[in-house]
N, C-alpha and C. Protein backbone atom coordinates (compact mmCIF):
# COMPACT_ATOMS: atom_id res chain seq x y z
N MET A 1 -1.40 -7.60 -33.46
CA MET A 1 -0.86 -6.80 -32.39
C MET A 1 -1.74 -6.98 -31.15
N ARG A 2 -1.11 -7.11 -30.02
CA ARG A 2 -1.85 -7.33 -28.77
C ARG A 2 -2.24 -6.01 -28.12
N LYS A 3 -3.39 -6.03 -27.49
CA LYS A 3 -3.83 -4.85 -26.75
C LYS A 3 -3.23 -4.91 -25.35
N LEU A 4 -2.61 -3.83 -24.94
CA LEU A 4 -1.99 -3.77 -23.62
C LEU A 4 -2.99 -3.24 -22.60
N TYR A 5 -3.08 -3.94 -21.49
CA TYR A 5 -3.93 -3.51 -20.40
C TYR A 5 -3.05 -2.95 -19.30
N LYS A 6 -3.28 -1.72 -18.96
CA LYS A 6 -2.50 -1.10 -17.90
C LYS A 6 -3.21 -1.32 -16.57
N VAL A 7 -2.46 -1.81 -15.60
CA VAL A 7 -3.02 -2.05 -14.28
C VAL A 7 -2.76 -0.82 -13.42
N LYS A 8 -3.82 -0.28 -12.87
CA LYS A 8 -3.69 0.89 -12.02
C LYS A 8 -3.71 0.46 -10.57
N SER A 9 -2.82 1.01 -9.80
CA SER A 9 -2.78 0.75 -8.37
C SER A 9 -3.93 1.47 -7.70
N VAL A 10 -4.65 0.75 -6.87
CA VAL A 10 -5.78 1.34 -6.16
C VAL A 10 -5.50 1.25 -4.67
N LYS A 11 -5.62 2.37 -3.99
CA LYS A 11 -5.41 2.39 -2.53
C LYS A 11 -6.68 1.91 -1.86
N ASN A 12 -6.60 0.74 -1.24
CA ASN A 12 -7.74 0.21 -0.49
C ASN A 12 -7.43 0.31 0.99
N GLU A 13 -8.48 0.39 1.77
CA GLU A 13 -8.29 0.41 3.21
C GLU A 13 -7.84 -0.97 3.67
N GLU A 14 -7.02 -1.00 4.69
CA GLU A 14 -6.52 -2.26 5.21
C GLU A 14 -7.64 -2.96 5.98
N VAL A 15 -7.94 -4.20 5.58
CA VAL A 15 -9.02 -4.96 6.20
C VAL A 15 -8.39 -6.06 7.05
N LEU A 16 -8.65 -6.03 8.35
CA LEU A 16 -8.15 -7.04 9.26
C LEU A 16 -9.31 -7.86 9.78
N VAL A 17 -9.13 -9.18 9.81
CA VAL A 17 -10.16 -10.11 10.27
C VAL A 17 -9.54 -10.99 11.34
N VAL A 18 -10.28 -11.23 12.43
CA VAL A 18 -9.80 -12.11 13.49
C VAL A 18 -10.62 -13.40 13.46
N LYS A 19 -9.91 -14.52 13.27
CA LYS A 19 -10.56 -15.83 13.26
C LYS A 19 -9.83 -16.73 14.24
N GLY A 20 -10.52 -17.20 15.24
CA GLY A 20 -9.92 -18.12 16.21
C GLY A 20 -8.75 -17.51 16.97
N GLY A 21 -8.79 -16.21 17.20
CA GLY A 21 -7.72 -15.54 17.93
C GLY A 21 -6.51 -15.19 17.06
N VAL A 22 -6.57 -15.47 15.77
CA VAL A 22 -5.47 -15.16 14.85
C VAL A 22 -5.94 -14.04 13.93
N THR A 23 -5.07 -13.05 13.72
CA THR A 23 -5.40 -11.90 12.88
C THR A 23 -4.95 -12.14 11.45
N TYR A 24 -5.83 -11.87 10.50
CA TYR A 24 -5.53 -12.01 9.08
C TYR A 24 -5.77 -10.68 8.39
N LYS A 25 -4.92 -10.38 7.38
CA LYS A 25 -5.13 -9.21 6.53
C LYS A 25 -5.76 -9.73 5.24
N VAL A 26 -6.88 -9.14 4.83
CA VAL A 26 -7.58 -9.59 3.63
C VAL A 26 -7.10 -8.74 2.46
N LEU A 27 -6.57 -9.42 1.42
CA LEU A 27 -6.08 -8.75 0.23
C LEU A 27 -6.97 -9.13 -0.95
N ASP A 28 -7.27 -8.17 -1.79
CA ASP A 28 -8.04 -8.44 -3.00
C ASP A 28 -7.08 -8.36 -4.18
N ILE A 29 -6.68 -9.52 -4.70
CA ILE A 29 -5.72 -9.57 -5.79
C ILE A 29 -6.40 -10.22 -6.99
N GLY A 30 -6.58 -9.45 -8.02
CA GLY A 30 -7.20 -9.97 -9.24
C GLY A 30 -8.61 -10.47 -9.02
N GLY A 31 -9.34 -9.88 -8.11
CA GLY A 31 -10.71 -10.28 -7.85
C GLY A 31 -10.83 -11.42 -6.86
N ALA A 32 -9.70 -12.00 -6.45
CA ALA A 32 -9.72 -13.10 -5.47
C ALA A 32 -9.36 -12.54 -4.10
N LYS A 33 -10.05 -12.98 -3.09
CA LYS A 33 -9.78 -12.54 -1.72
C LYS A 33 -8.78 -13.51 -1.09
N LEU A 34 -7.65 -12.98 -0.64
CA LEU A 34 -6.63 -13.79 0.02
C LEU A 34 -6.50 -13.34 1.47
N GLU A 35 -6.34 -14.29 2.37
CA GLU A 35 -6.12 -13.97 3.78
C GLU A 35 -4.68 -14.29 4.13
N VAL A 36 -3.97 -13.28 4.61
CA VAL A 36 -2.57 -13.43 4.98
C VAL A 36 -2.47 -13.22 6.49
N ARG A 37 -1.84 -14.17 7.17
CA ARG A 37 -1.72 -14.08 8.63
C ARG A 37 -0.78 -12.94 9.01
N VAL A 38 -1.17 -12.19 10.03
CA VAL A 38 -0.37 -11.07 10.53
C VAL A 38 0.25 -11.51 11.86
N LYS A 39 1.55 -11.32 11.97
CA LYS A 39 2.24 -11.72 13.20
C LYS A 39 1.93 -10.75 14.32
N SER A 40 1.89 -11.30 15.53
CA SER A 40 1.66 -10.46 16.71
C SER A 40 2.96 -9.75 17.07
N PRO A 41 2.90 -8.65 17.82
CA PRO A 41 4.13 -7.95 18.22
C PRO A 41 5.10 -8.86 18.98
N LYS A 42 4.56 -9.77 19.80
CA LYS A 42 5.41 -10.70 20.56
C LYS A 42 6.17 -11.62 19.60
N GLU A 43 5.48 -12.11 18.58
CA GLU A 43 6.10 -13.00 17.60
C GLU A 43 7.13 -12.27 16.76
N LEU A 44 6.85 -11.01 16.40
CA LEU A 44 7.81 -10.21 15.64
C LEU A 44 9.10 -9.99 16.43
N LYS A 45 8.95 -9.70 17.73
CA LYS A 45 10.12 -9.47 18.58
C LYS A 45 10.98 -10.73 18.65
N LYS A 46 10.32 -11.89 18.78
CA LYS A 46 11.03 -13.17 18.85
C LYS A 46 11.78 -13.44 17.54
N ASP A 47 11.13 -13.19 16.39
CA ASP A 47 11.75 -13.42 15.09
C ASP A 47 12.94 -12.49 14.86
N LYS A 48 12.80 -11.22 15.26
CA LYS A 48 13.91 -10.27 15.10
C LYS A 48 15.12 -10.69 15.92
N LYS A 49 14.86 -11.18 17.13
CA LYS A 49 15.95 -11.64 17.99
C LYS A 49 16.65 -12.85 17.38
N ALA A 50 15.86 -13.80 16.85
CA ALA A 50 16.43 -15.00 16.22
C ALA A 50 17.22 -14.63 14.98
N PHE A 51 16.73 -13.70 14.18
CA PHE A 51 17.43 -13.29 12.96
C PHE A 51 18.73 -12.57 13.28
N LYS A 52 18.69 -11.74 14.33
CA LYS A 52 19.90 -11.03 14.75
C LYS A 52 20.97 -12.03 15.19
N LYS A 53 20.54 -13.07 15.90
CA LYS A 53 21.46 -14.11 16.34
C LYS A 53 22.02 -14.86 15.13
N TYR A 54 21.19 -15.12 14.14
CA TYR A 54 21.61 -15.81 12.92
C TYR A 54 22.66 -14.99 12.18
N LEU A 55 22.46 -13.66 12.10
CA LEU A 55 23.40 -12.80 11.38
C LEU A 55 24.74 -12.67 12.10
N SER A 56 24.74 -12.89 13.41
CA SER A 56 25.98 -12.72 14.16
C SER A 56 26.99 -13.83 13.89
N GLY A 57 26.56 -14.93 13.26
CA GLY A 57 27.47 -16.01 12.91
C GLY A 57 27.38 -17.15 13.90
N PRO A 58 28.10 -18.25 13.59
CA PRO A 58 28.05 -19.41 14.44
C PRO A 58 28.74 -19.17 15.79
N ASP A 59 28.28 -19.91 16.81
CA ASP A 59 28.90 -19.83 18.12
C ASP A 59 30.27 -20.51 18.09
N GLY A 60 31.11 -20.19 19.04
CA GLY A 60 32.44 -20.80 19.11
C GLY A 60 32.40 -22.26 19.49
N ASN A 61 31.32 -22.73 20.11
CA ASN A 61 31.23 -24.12 20.58
C ASN A 61 30.82 -25.08 19.47
N ILE A 62 30.41 -24.58 18.33
CA ILE A 62 29.94 -25.45 17.25
C ILE A 62 31.15 -26.00 16.48
N VAL A 63 31.15 -27.33 16.28
CA VAL A 63 32.21 -27.96 15.50
C VAL A 63 31.57 -28.43 14.21
N LEU A 64 32.04 -27.87 13.09
CA LEU A 64 31.50 -28.25 11.79
C LEU A 64 32.24 -29.47 11.28
N PRO A 65 31.56 -30.40 10.59
CA PRO A 65 32.22 -31.61 10.06
C PRO A 65 33.19 -31.31 8.95
């Protein structure tokens, strides 16, 4: 019979690091430190606009093969 290990969620403070003008969030997953890039507000606004345009469907000028 296998012993079950229960993983408990631990609330850690959010750690942000700036390297070369780019902001990273440092995550500790399984003892390994991972750096995940955080988008700037300007980049988020641009992405939301592009996604909204994508959801609206194709333009009338596009001719599909």
